[in-house]
C-alpha cells in the first residue's frame, strides 16, 4: 500500500463518514392511525396510486380465462374470466381490509 493510497483513503473516509450520519435510518416504528377512517383513507390513496385493485382483478381474470380456456375452449375462457374477476374482487376486498387493520395497529407502512 503506497502513501498516496493511504492518504486518499483517509481523506475520503474523513469526508464520507459524517455524511453517513445524515442518511435515512429505520428505527422500527410504523405510523399508527388514530381511527379506522384515516387508516382506510390512507390505504385507499395508496391503492389508487399503485393501481392495486386493477392489478388484482385483471390478474385473476386472466388466470381464470387461461384455466377456462384449457378446460372448456372459447366459451370456457369467457366464463373463467368472469369467475376470475369476481374472485379477484373478493380477494382485493380481503387484502384491503387486512391492510387497513395493519395500518391501525401500526404494523406496516
PDB file of N, CA and C in Angstrom:
ATOM      1  N   UNK A   1       0.842  -1.173   0.000  1.00  0.00           N
ATOM      2  CA  UNK A   1       0.000   0.000   0.000  1.00  0.00           C
ATOM      3  C   UNK A   1       0.896   1.247   0.000  1.00  0.00           C
ATOM      4  N   UNK A   2       0.660   2.101  -0.925  1.00  0.00           N
ATOM      5  CA  UNK A   2       1.506   3.286  -1.034  1.00  0.00           C
ATOM      6  C   UNK A   2       0.980   4.391  -0.133  1.00  0.00           C
ATOM      7  N   UNK A   3       1.798   5.365   0.079  1.00  0.00           N
ATOM      8  CA  UNK A   3       1.427   6.520   0.898  1.00  0.00           C
ATOM      9  C   UNK A   3       0.262   7.262   0.254  1.00  0.00           C
ATOM     10  N   UNK A   4       0.302   7.361  -1.087  1.00  0.00           N
ATOM     11  CA  UNK A   4      -0.743   8.072  -1.815  1.00  0.00           C
ATOM     12  C   UNK A   4      -2.111   7.398  -1.593  1.00  0.00           C
ATOM     13  N   UNK A   5      -2.161   6.085  -1.665  1.00  0.00           N
ATOM     14  CA  UNK A   5      -3.402   5.344  -1.452  1.00  0.00           C
ATOM     15  C   UNK A   5      -3.879   5.502  -0.011  1.00  0.00           C
ATOM     16  N   UNK A   6      -2.970   5.451   0.925  1.00  0.00           N
ATOM     17  CA  UNK A   6      -3.310   5.593   2.336  1.00  0.00           C
ATOM     18  C   UNK A   6      -3.884   6.972   2.633  1.00  0.00           C
ATOM     19  N   UNK A   7      -3.254   8.008   2.090  1.00  0.00           N
ATOM     20  CA  UNK A   7      -3.733   9.379   2.298  1.00  0.00           C
ATOM     21  C   UNK A   7      -5.100   9.561   1.646  1.00  0.00           C
ATOM     22  N   UNK A   8      -5.268   9.034   0.436  1.00  0.00           N
ATOM     23  CA  UNK A   8      -6.547   9.175  -0.270  1.00  0.00           C
ATOM     24  C   UNK A   8      -7.673   8.482   0.493  1.00  0.00           C
ATOM     25  N   UNK A   9      -7.423   7.289   0.987  1.00  0.00           N
ATOM     26  CA  UNK A   9      -8.472   6.578   1.723  1.00  0.00           C
ATOM     27  C   UNK A   9      -8.786   7.268   3.040  1.00  0.00           C
ATOM     28  N   UNK A  10      -7.786   7.845   3.694  1.00  0.00           N
ATOM     29  CA  UNK A  10      -8.025   8.576   4.943  1.00  0.00           C
ATOM     30  C   UNK A  10      -8.858   9.822   4.695  1.00  0.00           C
ATOM     31  N   UNK A  11      -8.523  10.560   3.647  1.00  0.00           N
ATOM     32  CA  UNK A  11      -9.276  11.780   3.332  1.00  0.00           C
ATOM     33  C   UNK A  11     -10.718  11.432   2.958  1.00  0.00           C
ATOM     34  N   UNK A  12     -10.908  10.415   2.128  1.00  0.00           N
ATOM     35  CA  UNK A  12     -12.261  10.028   1.744  1.00  0.00           C
ATOM     36  C   UNK A  12     -13.083   9.559   2.931  1.00  0.00           C
ATOM     37  N   UNK A  13     -12.485   8.780   3.810  1.00  0.00           N
ATOM     38  CA  UNK A  13     -13.237   8.311   4.968  1.00  0.00           C
ATOM     39  C   UNK A  13     -13.565   9.461   5.907  1.00  0.00           C
ATOM     40  N   UNK A  14     -12.689  10.440   5.992  1.00  0.00           N
ATOM     41  CA  UNK A  14     -12.958  11.608   6.831  1.00  0.00           C
ATOM     42  C   UNK A  14     -14.102  12.432   6.263  1.00  0.00           C
ATOM     43  N   UNK A  15     -14.178  12.523   4.954  1.00  0.00           N
ATOM     44  CA  UNK A  15     -15.241  13.294   4.316  1.00  0.00           C
ATOM     45  C   UNK A  15     -16.565  12.529   4.328  1.00  0.00           C
ATOM     46  N   UNK A  16     -16.533  11.238   4.029  1.00  0.00           N
ATOM     47  CA  UNK A  16     -17.758  10.476   3.882  1.00  0.00           C
ATOM     48  C   UNK A  16     -18.348   9.973   5.190  1.00  0.00           C
ATOM     49  N   UNK A  17     -17.578   9.840   6.230  1.00  0.00           N
ATOM     50  CA  UNK A  17     -18.090   9.326   7.487  1.00  0.00           C
ATOM     51  C   UNK A  17     -19.181  10.217   8.076  1.00  0.00           C
ATOM     52  N   UNK A  18     -18.997  11.538   8.146  1.00  0.00           N
ATOM     53  CA  UNK A  18     -20.084  12.374   8.675  1.00  0.00           C
ATOM     54  C   UNK A  18     -21.334  12.368   7.778  1.00  0.00           C
ATOM     55  N   UNK A  19     -21.168  12.146   6.487  1.00  0.00           N
ATOM     56  CA  UNK A  19     -22.307  12.135   5.570  1.00  0.00           C
ATOM     57  C   UNK A  19     -23.229  10.960   5.873  1.00  0.00           C
ATOM     58  N   UNK A  20     -22.653   9.849   6.294  1.00  0.00           N
ATOM     59  CA  UNK A  20     -23.475   8.675   6.576  1.00  0.00           C
ATOM     60  C   UNK A  20     -24.384   8.895   7.774  1.00  0.00           C
ATOM     61  N   UNK A  21     -24.066   9.829   8.629  1.00  0.00           N
ATOM     62  CA  UNK A  21     -24.922  10.109   9.777  1.00  0.00           C
ATOM     63  C   UNK A  21     -26.236  10.759   9.353  1.00  0.00           C
ATOM     64  N   UNK A  22     -26.267  11.383   8.181  1.00  0.00           N
ATOM     65  CA  UNK A  22     -27.463  12.073   7.728  1.00  0.00           C
ATOM     66  C   UNK A  22     -28.324  11.237   6.789  1.00  0.00           C
ATOM     67  N   UNK A  23     -27.914  10.029   6.498  1.00  0.00           N
ATOM     68  CA  UNK A  23     -28.714   9.186   5.619  1.00  0.00           C
ATOM     69  C   UNK A  23     -29.925   8.673   6.369  1.00  0.00           C
ATOM     70  N   UNK A  24     -30.900   8.169   5.637  1.00  0.00           N
ATOM     71  CA  UNK A  24     -32.117   7.677   6.263  1.00  0.00           C
ATOM     72  C   UNK A  24     -31.824   6.445   7.089  1.00  0.00           C
ATOM     73  N   UNK A  25     -32.444   6.397   8.228  1.00  0.00           N
ATOM     74  CA  UNK A  25     -32.320   5.219   9.081  1.00  0.00           C
ATOM     75  C   UNK A  25     -33.715   4.717   9.400  1.00  0.00           C
ATOM     76  N   UNK A  26     -33.806   3.455   9.668  1.00  0.00           N
ATOM     77  CA  UNK A  26     -35.086   2.842  10.020  1.00  0.00           C
ATOM     78  C   UNK A  26     -35.065   2.553  11.500  1.00  0.00           C
ATOM     79  N   UNK A  27     -35.993   3.114  12.233  1.00  0.00           N
ATOM     80  CA  UNK A  27     -35.992   2.936  13.677  1.00  0.00           C
ATOM     81  C   UNK A  27     -37.012   1.898  14.137  1.00  0.00           C
ATOM     82  N   UNK A  28     -37.656   1.210  13.212  1.00  0.00           N
ATOM     83  CA  UNK A  28     -38.572   0.146  13.594  1.00  0.00           C
ATOM     84  C   UNK A  28     -39.973   0.618  13.934  1.00  0.00           C
ATOM     85  N   UNK A  29     -40.223   1.901  13.841  1.00  0.00           N
ATOM     86  CA  UNK A  29     -41.551   2.395  14.173  1.00  0.00           C
ATOM     87  C   UNK A  29     -42.348   2.614  12.905  1.00  0.00           C
ATOM     88  N   UNK A  30     -43.603   2.261  12.958  1.00  0.00           N
ATOM     89  CA  UNK A  30     -44.506   2.492  11.850  1.00  0.00           C
ATOM     90  C   UNK A  30     -45.542   3.513  12.285  1.00  0.00           C
ATOM     91  N   UNK A  31     -46.099   4.182  11.330  1.00  0.00           N
ATOM     92  CA  UNK A  31     -47.112   5.177  11.630  1.00  0.00           C
ATOM     93  C   UNK A  31     -48.378   4.485  12.079  1.00  0.00           C
ATOM     94  N   UNK A  32     -48.942   4.964  13.164  1.00  0.00           N
ATOM     95  CA  UNK A  32     -50.226   4.463  13.642  1.00  0.00           C
ATOM     96  C   UNK A  32     -51.283   5.492  13.322  1.00  0.00           C
ATOM     97  N   UNK A  33     -52.413   5.034  12.896  1.00  0.00           N
ATOM     98  CA  UNK A  33     -53.513   5.933  12.577  1.00  0.00           C
ATOM     99  C   UNK A  33     -54.472   5.975  13.749  1.00  0.00           C
ATOM    100  N   UNK A  34     -55.016   7.153  14.001  1.00  0.00           N
ATOM    101  CA  UNK A  34     -55.859   7.337  15.185  1.00  0.00           C
ATOM    102  C   UNK A  34     -57.177   6.581  15.110  1.00  0.00           C
ATOM    103  N   UNK A  35     -57.729   6.490  13.927  1.00  0.00           N
ATOM    104  CA  UNK A  35     -59.022   5.811  13.829  1.00  0.00           C
ATOM    105  C   UNK A  35     -59.103   5.021  12.518  1.00  0.00           C
ATOM    106  N   UNK A  36     -60.151   4.265  12.418  1.00  0.00           N
ATOM    107  CA  UNK A  36     -60.334   3.400  11.262  1.00  0.00           C
ATOM    108  C   UNK A  36     -60.469   4.209   9.969  1.00  0.00           C
ATOM    109  N   UNK A  37     -61.164   5.314  10.042  1.00  0.00           N
ATOM    110  CA  UNK A  37     -61.424   6.111   8.834  1.00  0.00           C
ATOM    111  C   UNK A  37     -60.136   6.664   8.226  1.00  0.00           C
ATOM    112  N   UNK A  38     -59.244   7.175   9.056  1.00  0.00           N
ATOM    113  CA  UNK A  38     -57.999   7.718   8.500  1.00  0.00           C
ATOM    114  C   UNK A  38     -57.112   6.605   7.945  1.00  0.00           C
ATOM    115  N   UNK A  39     -57.123   5.437   8.586  1.00  0.00           N
ATOM    116  CA  UNK A  39     -56.360   4.295   8.063  1.00  0.00           C
ATOM    117  C   UNK A  39     -56.950   3.827   6.745  1.00  0.00           C
ATOM    118  N   UNK A  40     -58.270   3.813   6.632  1.00  0.00           N
ATOM    119  CA  UNK A  40     -58.924   3.389   5.396  1.00  0.00           C
ATOM    120  C   UNK A  40     -58.634   4.374   4.268  1.00  0.00           C
ATOM    121  N   UNK A  41     -58.666   5.671   4.570  1.00  0.00           N
ATOM    122  CA  UNK A  41     -58.370   6.675   3.547  1.00  0.00           C
ATOM    123  C   UNK A  41     -56.922   6.574   3.070  1.00  0.00           C
ATOM    124  N   UNK A  42     -56.005   6.334   3.991  1.00  0.00           N
ATOM    125  CA  UNK A  42     -54.603   6.194   3.607  1.00  0.00           C
ATOM    126  C   UNK A  42     -54.406   4.973   2.724  1.00  0.00           C
ATOM    127  N   UNK A  43     -55.072   3.870   3.053  1.00  0.00           N
ATOM    128  CA  UNK A  43     -54.958   2.663   2.245  1.00  0.00           C
ATOM    129  C   UNK A  43     -55.581   2.870   0.869  1.00  0.00           C
ATOM    130  N   UNK A  44     -56.695   3.571   0.816  1.00  0.00           N
ATOM    131  CA  UNK A  44     -57.350   3.855  -0.468  1.00  0.00           C
ATOM    132  C   UNK A  44     -56.440   4.708  -1.359  1.00  0.00           C
ATOM    133  N   UNK A  45     -55.793   5.712  -0.769  1.00  0.00           N
ATOM    134  CA  UNK A  45     -54.854   6.544  -1.534  1.00  0.00           C
ATOM    135  C   UNK A  45     -53.691   5.715  -2.054  1.00  0.00           C
ATOM    136  N   UNK A  46     -53.167   4.853  -1.214  1.00  0.00           N
ATOM    137  CA  UNK A  46     -52.044   4.012  -1.632  1.00  0.00           C
ATOM    138  C   UNK A  46     -52.456   3.067  -2.751  1.00  0.00           C
ATOM    139  N   UNK A  47     -53.636   2.458  -2.616  1.00  0.00           N
ATOM    140  CA  UNK A  47     -54.124   1.544  -3.651  1.00  0.00           C
ATOM    141  C   UNK A  47     -54.350   2.274  -4.969  1.00  0.00           C
ATOM    142  N   UNK A  48     -54.901   3.487  -4.897  1.00  0.00           N
ATOM    143  CA  UNK A  48     -55.160   4.250  -6.120  1.00  0.00           C
ATOM    144  C   UNK A  48     -53.847   4.633  -6.804  1.00  0.00           C
ATOM    145  N   UNK A  49     -52.862   4.978  -6.005  1.00  0.00           N
ATOM    146  CA  UNK A  49     -51.572   5.382  -6.556  1.00  0.00           C
ATOM    147  C   UNK A  49     -50.865   4.222  -7.259  1.00  0.00           C
ATOM    148  N   UNK A  50     -51.039   3.014  -6.723  1.00  0.00           N
ATOM    149  CA  UNK A  50     -50.357   1.852  -7.288  1.00  0.00           C
ATOM    150  C   UNK A  50     -51.274   0.982  -8.154  1.00  0.00           C
ATOM    151  N   UNK A  51     -52.511   1.399  -8.356  1.00  0.00           N
ATOM    152  CA  UNK A  51     -53.480   0.667  -9.181  1.00  0.00           C
ATOM    153  C   UNK A  51     -53.631  -0.783  -8.713  1.00  0.00           C
ATOM    154  N   UNK A  52     -53.675  -0.965  -7.411  1.00  0.00           N
ATOM    155  CA  UNK A  52     -53.684  -2.304  -6.833  1.00  0.00           C
ATOM    156  C   UNK A  52     -54.929  -3.082  -7.218  1.00  0.00           C
ATOM    157  N   UNK A  53     -56.097  -2.464  -7.140  1.00  0.00           N
ATOM    158  CA  UNK A  53     -57.344  -3.168  -7.447  1.00  0.00           C
ATOM    159  C   UNK A  53     -57.347  -3.661  -8.887  1.00  0.00           C
ATOM    160  N   UNK A  54     -56.925  -2.809  -9.800  1.00  0.00           N
ATOM    161  CA  UNK A  54     -56.905  -3.203 -11.212  1.00  0.00           C
ATOM    162  C   UNK A  54     -55.953  -4.367 -11.444  1.00  0.00           C
ATOM    163  N   UNK A  55     -54.811  -4.348 -10.768  1.00  0.00           N
ATOM    164  CA  UNK A  55     -53.843  -5.430 -10.935  1.00  0.00           C
ATOM    165  C   UNK A  55     -54.378  -6.751 -10.404  1.00  0.00           C
ATOM    166  N   UNK A  56     -55.018  -6.720  -9.243  1.00  0.00           N
ATOM    167  CA  UNK A  56     -55.537  -7.951  -8.646  1.00  0.00           C
ATOM    168  C   UNK A  56     -56.676  -8.514  -9.486  1.00  0.00           C
ATOM    169  N   UNK A  57     -57.628  -7.668  -9.867  1.00  0.00           N
ATOM    170  CA  UNK A  57     -58.784  -8.139 -10.631  1.00  0.00           C
ATOM    171  C   UNK A  57     -58.362  -8.610 -12.023  1.00  0.00           C
ATOM    172  N   UNK A  58     -57.516  -7.853 -12.700  1.00  0.00           N
ATOM    173  CA  UNK A  58     -57.079  -8.240 -14.045  1.00  0.00           C
ATOM    174  C   UNK A  58     -56.265  -9.527 -14.016  1.00  0.00           C
ATOM    175  N   UNK A  59     -55.388  -9.654 -13.048  1.00  0.00           N
ATOM    176  CA  UNK A  59     -54.598 -10.873 -12.935  1.00  0.00           C
ATOM    177  C   UNK A  59     -55.462 -12.088 -12.669  1.00  0.00           C
ATOM    178  N   UNK A  60     -56.470 -11.934 -11.824  1.00  0.00           N
ATOM    179  CA  UNK A  60     -57.374 -13.042 -11.536  1.00  0.00           C
ATOM    180  C   UNK A  60     -58.222 -13.389 -12.759  1.00  0.00           C
ATOM    181  N   UNK A  61     -58.655 -12.374 -13.489  1.00  0.00           N
ATOM    182  CA  UNK A  61     -59.460 -12.616 -14.694  1.00  0.00           C
ATOM    183  C   UNK A  61     -58.637 -13.347 -15.756  1.00  0.00           C
ATOM    184  N   UNK A  62     -57.396 -12.941 -15.926  1.00  0.00           N
ATOM    185  CA  UNK A  62     -56.532 -13.619 -16.901  1.00  0.00           C
ATOM    186  C   UNK A  62     -56.284 -15.063 -16.479  1.00  0.00           C
ATOM    187  N   UNK A  63     -56.029 -15.270 -15.215  1.00  0.00           N
ATOM    188  CA  UNK A  63     -55.840 -16.626 -14.720  1.00  0.00           C
ATOM    189  C   UNK A  63     -57.074 -17.486 -14.930  1.00  0.00           C
ATOM    190  N   UNK A  64     -58.242 -16.922 -14.644  1.00  0.00           N
ATOM    191  CA  UNK A  64     -59.490 -17.653 -14.868  1.00  0.00           C
ATOM    192  C   UNK A  64     -59.718 -17.946 -16.332  1.00  0.00           C
ATOM    193  N   UNK A  65     -59.378 -17.006 -17.202  1.00  0.00           N
ATOM    194  CA  UNK A  65     -59.552 -17.215 -18.635  1.00  0.00           C
ATOM    195  C   UNK A  65     -58.626 -18.313 -19.153  1.00  0.00           C
ATOM    196  N   UNK A  66     -57.413 -18.355 -18.644  1.00  0.00           N
ATOM    197  CA  UNK A  66     -56.474 -19.396 -19.070  1.00  0.00           C
ATOM    198  C   UNK A  66     -56.977 -20.771 -18.646  1.00  0.00           C
ATOM    199  N   UNK A  67     -57.373 -20.882 -17.394  1.00  0.00           N
ATOM    200  CA  UNK A  67     -57.872 -22.175 -16.911  1.00  0.00           C
ATOM    201  C   UNK A  67     -59.146 -22.561 -17.645  1.00  0.00           C
ATOM    202  N   UNK A  68     -60.057 -21.605 -17.802  1.00  0.00           N
ATOM    203  CA  UNK A  68     -61.298 -21.887 -18.524  1.00  0.00           C
ATOM    204  C   UNK A  68     -61.050 -22.262 -19.970  1.00  0.00           C
ATOM    205  N   UNK A  69     -60.113 -21.596 -20.606  1.00  0.00           N
ATOM    206  CA  UNK A  69     -59.771 -21.919 -21.991  1.00  0.00           C
ATOM    207  C   UNK A  69     -59.179 -23.306 -22.134  1.00  0.00           C
ATOM    208  N   UNK A  70     -58.368 -23.700 -21.183  1.00  0.00           N
ATOM    209  CA  UNK A  70     -57.783 -25.037 -21.229  1.00  0.00           C
ATOM    210  C   UNK A  70     -58.834 -26.122 -20.997  1.00  0.00           C
ATOM    211  N   UNK A  71     -59.785 -25.839 -20.143  1.00  0.00           N
ATOM    212  CA  UNK A  71     -60.787 -26.850 -19.809  1.00  0.00           C
ATOM    213  C   UNK A  71     -61.994 -26.843 -20.742  1.00  0.00           C
ATOM    214  N   UNK A  72     -62.388 -25.641 -21.228  1.00  0.00           N
ATOM    215  CA  UNK A  72     -63.635 -25.592 -21.986  1.00  0.00           C
ATOM    216  C   UNK A  72     -63.586 -24.821 -23.283  1.00  0.00           C
ATOM    217  N   UNK A  73     -62.407 -24.521 -23.798  1.00  0.00           N
ATOM    218  CA  UNK A  73     -62.317 -23.801 -25.069  1.00  0.00           C
ATOM    219  C   UNK A  73     -62.667 -22.329 -24.924  1.00  0.00           C
ATOM    220  N   UNK A  74     -63.214 -21.750 -25.993  1.00  0.00           N
ATOM    221  CA  UNK A  74     -63.528 -20.325 -26.027  1.00  0.00           C
ATOM    222  C   UNK A  74     -64.602 -19.923 -25.036  1.00  0.00           C
ATOM    223  N   UNK A  75     -65.659 -20.710 -24.973  1.00  0.00           N
ATOM    224  CA  UNK A  75     -66.738 -20.405 -24.037  1.00  0.00           C
ATOM    225  C   UNK A  75     -66.235 -20.542 -22.596  1.00  0.00           C
ATOM    226  N   UNK A  76     -65.418 -21.542 -22.360  1.00  0.00           N
ATOM    227  CA  UNK A  76     -64.846 -21.722 -21.027  1.00  0.00           C
ATOM    228  C   UNK A  76     -63.942 -20.572 -20.635  1.00  0.00           C
ATOM    229  N   UNK A  77     -63.241 -19.994 -21.610  1.00  0.00           N
ATOM    230  CA  UNK A  77     -62.364 -18.853 -21.322  1.00  0.00           C
ATOM    231  C   UNK A  77     -63.176 -17.646 -20.877  1.00  0.00           C
ATOM    232  N   UNK A  78     -64.305 -17.417 -21.526  1.00  0.00           N
ATOM    233  CA  UNK A  78     -65.162 -16.283 -21.157  1.00  0.00           C
ATOM    234  C   UNK A  78     -65.730 -16.480 -19.758  1.00  0.00           C
ATOM    235  N   UNK A  79     -66.214 -17.676 -19.498  1.00  0.00           N
ATOM    236  CA  UNK A  79     -66.768 -17.968 -18.172  1.00  0.00           C
ATOM    237  C   UNK A  79     -65.665 -17.883 -17.112  1.00  0.00           C
ATOM    238  N   UNK A  80     -64.503 -18.439 -17.422  1.00  0.00           N
ATOM    239  CA  UNK A  80     -63.382 -18.398 -16.484  1.00  0.00           C
ATOM    240  C   UNK A  80     -62.924 -16.981 -16.186  1.00  0.00           C
ATOM    241  N   UNK A  81     -62.946 -16.121 -17.190  1.00  0.00           N
ATOM    242  CA  UNK A  81     -62.556 -14.723 -16.960  1.00  0.00           C
ATOM    243  C   UNK A  81     -63.536 -14.040 -16.012  1.00  0.00           C
ATOM    244  N   UNK A  82     -64.822 -14.307 -16.191  1.00  0.00           N
ATOM    245  CA  UNK A  82     -65.836 -13.722 -15.294  1.00  0.00           C
ATOM    246  C   UNK A  82     -65.681 -14.217 -13.871  1.00  0.00           C
ATOM    247  N   UNK A  83     -65.491 -15.524 -13.727  1.00  0.00           N
ATOM    248  CA  UNK A  83     -65.313 -16.100 -12.398  1.00  0.00           C
ATOM    249  C   UNK A  83     -64.019 -15.584 -11.762  1.00  0.00           C
ATOM    250  N   UNK A  84     -62.963 -15.499 -12.558  1.00  0.00           N
ATOM    251  CA  UNK A  84     -61.688 -14.994 -12.040  1.00  0.00           C
ATOM    252  C   UNK A  84     -61.779 -13.545 -11.601  1.00  0.00           C
ATOM    253  N   UNK A  85     -62.483 -12.722 -12.362  1.00  0.00           N
ATOM    254  CA  UNK A  85     -62.637 -11.317 -11.993  1.00  0.00           C
ATOM    255  C   UNK A  85     -63.434 -11.188 -10.698  1.00  0.00           C
ATOM    256  N   UNK A  86     -64.475 -11.993 -10.553  1.00  0.00           N
ATOM    257  CA  UNK A  86     -65.249 -11.982  -9.309  1.00  0.00           C
ATOM    258  C   UNK A  86     -64.397 -12.406  -8.123  1.00  0.00           C
ATOM    259  N   UNK A  87     -63.614 -13.444  -8.324  1.00  0.00           N
ATOM    260  CA  UNK A  87     -62.702 -13.877  -7.265  1.00  0.00           C
ATOM    261  C   UNK A  87     -61.664 -12.820  -6.948  1.00  0.00           C
ATOM    262  N   UNK A  88     -61.199 -12.106  -7.970  1.00  0.00           N
ATOM    263  CA  UNK A  88     -60.234 -11.033  -7.763  1.00  0.00           C
ATOM    264  C   UNK A  88     -60.813  -9.889  -6.955  1.00  0.00           C
ATOM    265  N   UNK A  89     -62.088  -9.549  -7.209  1.00  0.00           N
ATOM    266  CA  UNK A  89     -62.742  -8.501  -6.421  1.00  0.00           C
ATOM    267  C   UNK A  89     -62.829  -8.909  -4.954  1.00  0.00           C
ATOM    268  N   UNK A  90     -63.197 -10.151  -4.720  1.00  0.00           N
ATOM    269  CA  UNK A  90     -63.287 -10.653  -3.353  1.00  0.00           C
ATOM    270  C   UNK A  90     -61.909 -10.664  -2.686  1.00  0.00           C
ATOM    271  N   UNK A  91     -60.897 -11.132  -3.406  1.00  0.00           N
ATOM    272  CA  UNK A  91     -59.540 -11.165  -2.855  1.00  0.00           C
ATOM    273  C   UNK A  91     -59.029  -9.757  -2.564  1.00  0.00           C
ATOM    274  N   UNK A  92     -59.355  -8.795  -3.410  1.00  0.00           N
ATOM    275  CA  UNK A  92     -58.928  -7.421  -3.192  1.00  0.00           C
ATOM    276  C   UNK A  92     -59.593  -6.834  -1.951  1.00  0.00           C
ATOM    277  N   UNK A  93     -60.856  -7.140  -1.742  1.00  0.00           N
ATOM    278  CA  UNK A  93     -61.564  -6.653  -0.548  1.00  0.00           C
ATOM    279  C   UNK A  93     -60.913  -7.201   0.719  1.00  0.00           C
ATOM    280  N   UNK A  94     -60.615  -8.494   0.711  1.00  0.00           N
ATOM    281  CA  UNK A  94     -59.969  -9.112   1.876  1.00  0.00           C
ATOM    282  C   UNK A  94     -58.597  -8.495   2.108  1.00  0.00           C
ATOM    283  N   UNK A  95     -57.812  -8.294   1.032  1.00  0.00           N
ATOM    284  CA  UNK A  95     -56.482  -7.704   1.150  1.00  0.00           C
ATOM    285  C   UNK A  95     -56.553  -6.285   1.702  1.00  0.00           C
ATOM    286  N   UNK A  96     -57.503  -5.507   1.202  1.00  0.00           N
ATOM    287  CA  UNK A  96     -57.617  -4.123   1.639  1.00  0.00           C
ATOM    288  C   UNK A  96     -58.025  -4.045   3.111  1.00  0.00           C
ATOM    289  N   UNK A  97     -58.973  -4.878   3.513  1.00  0.00           N
ATOM    290  CA  UNK A  97     -59.390  -4.888   4.923  1.00  0.00           C
ATOM    291  C   UNK A  97     -58.226  -5.270   5.835  1.00  0.00           C
ATOM    292  N   UNK A  98     -57.445  -6.260   5.420  1.00  0.00           N
ATOM    293  CA  UNK A  98     -56.282  -6.688   6.203  1.00  0.00           C
ATOM    294  C   UNK A  98     -55.269  -5.551   6.315  1.00  0.00           C
ATOM    295  N   UNK A  99     -55.013  -4.860   5.207  1.00  0.00           N
ATOM    296  CA  UNK A  99     -54.038  -3.779   5.221  1.00  0.00           C
ATOM    297  C   UNK A  99     -54.506  -2.600   6.073  1.00  0.00           C
ATOM    298  N   UNK A 100     -55.812  -2.318   6.078  1.00  0.00           N
ATOM    299  CA  UNK A 100     -56.331  -1.246   6.927  1.00  0.00           C
ATOM    300  C   UNK A 100     -56.125  -1.609   8.395  1.00  0.00           C
ATOM    301  N   UNK A 101     -56.396  -2.843   8.760  1.00  0.00           N
ATOM    302  CA  UNK A 101     -56.185  -3.285  10.148  1.00  0.00           C
ATOM    303  C   UNK A 101     -54.712  -3.174  10.536  1.00  0.00           C
ATOM    304  N   UNK A 102     -53.820  -3.510   9.610  1.00  0.00           N
ATOM    305  CA  UNK A 102     -52.395  -3.396   9.896  1.00  0.00           C
ATOM    306  C   UNK A 102     -51.996  -1.940  10.084  1.00  0.00           C
ATOM    307  N   UNK A 103     -52.579  -1.042   9.309  1.00  0.00           N
ATOM    308  CA  UNK A 103     -52.289   0.381   9.479  1.00  0.00           C
ATOM    309  C   UNK A 103     -52.776   0.858  10.852  1.00  0.00           C
ATOM    310  N   UNK A 104     -53.950   0.386  11.277  1.00  0.00           N
ATOM    311  CA  UNK A 104     -54.479   0.793  12.576  1.00  0.00           C
ATOM    312  C   UNK A 104     -53.554   0.333  13.708  1.00  0.00           C
ATOM    313  N   UNK A 105     -53.024  -0.863  13.598  1.00  0.00           N
ATOM    314  CA  UNK A 105     -52.152  -1.408  14.638  1.00  0.00           C
ATOM    315  C   UNK A 105     -50.729  -0.870  14.543  1.00  0.00           C
ATOM    316  N   UNK A 106     -50.388  -0.247  13.410  1.00  0.00           N
ATOM    317  CA  UNK A 106     -49.049   0.290  13.234  1.00  0.00           C
ATOM    318  C   UNK A 106     -48.033  -0.770  12.865  1.00  0.00           C
ATOM    319  N   UNK A 107     -48.464  -1.895  12.309  1.00  0.00           N
ATOM    320  CA  UNK A 107     -47.552  -2.967  11.951  1.00  0.00           C
ATOM    321  C   UNK A 107     -46.823  -2.708  10.650  1.00  0.00           C
ATOM    322  N   UNK A 108     -47.450  -1.987   9.746  1.00  0.00           N
ATOM    323  CA  UNK A 108     -46.890  -1.749   8.421  1.00  0.00           C
ATOM    324  C   UNK A 108     -47.097  -0.302   8.036  1.00  0.00           C
ATOM    325  N   UNK A 109     -46.338   0.133   7.069  1.00  0.00           N
ATOM    326  CA  UNK A 109     -46.470   1.458   6.472  1.00  0.00           C
ATOM    327  C   UNK A 109     -45.972   2.462   7.436  1.00  0.00           C
TER     328      UNK A 109
END
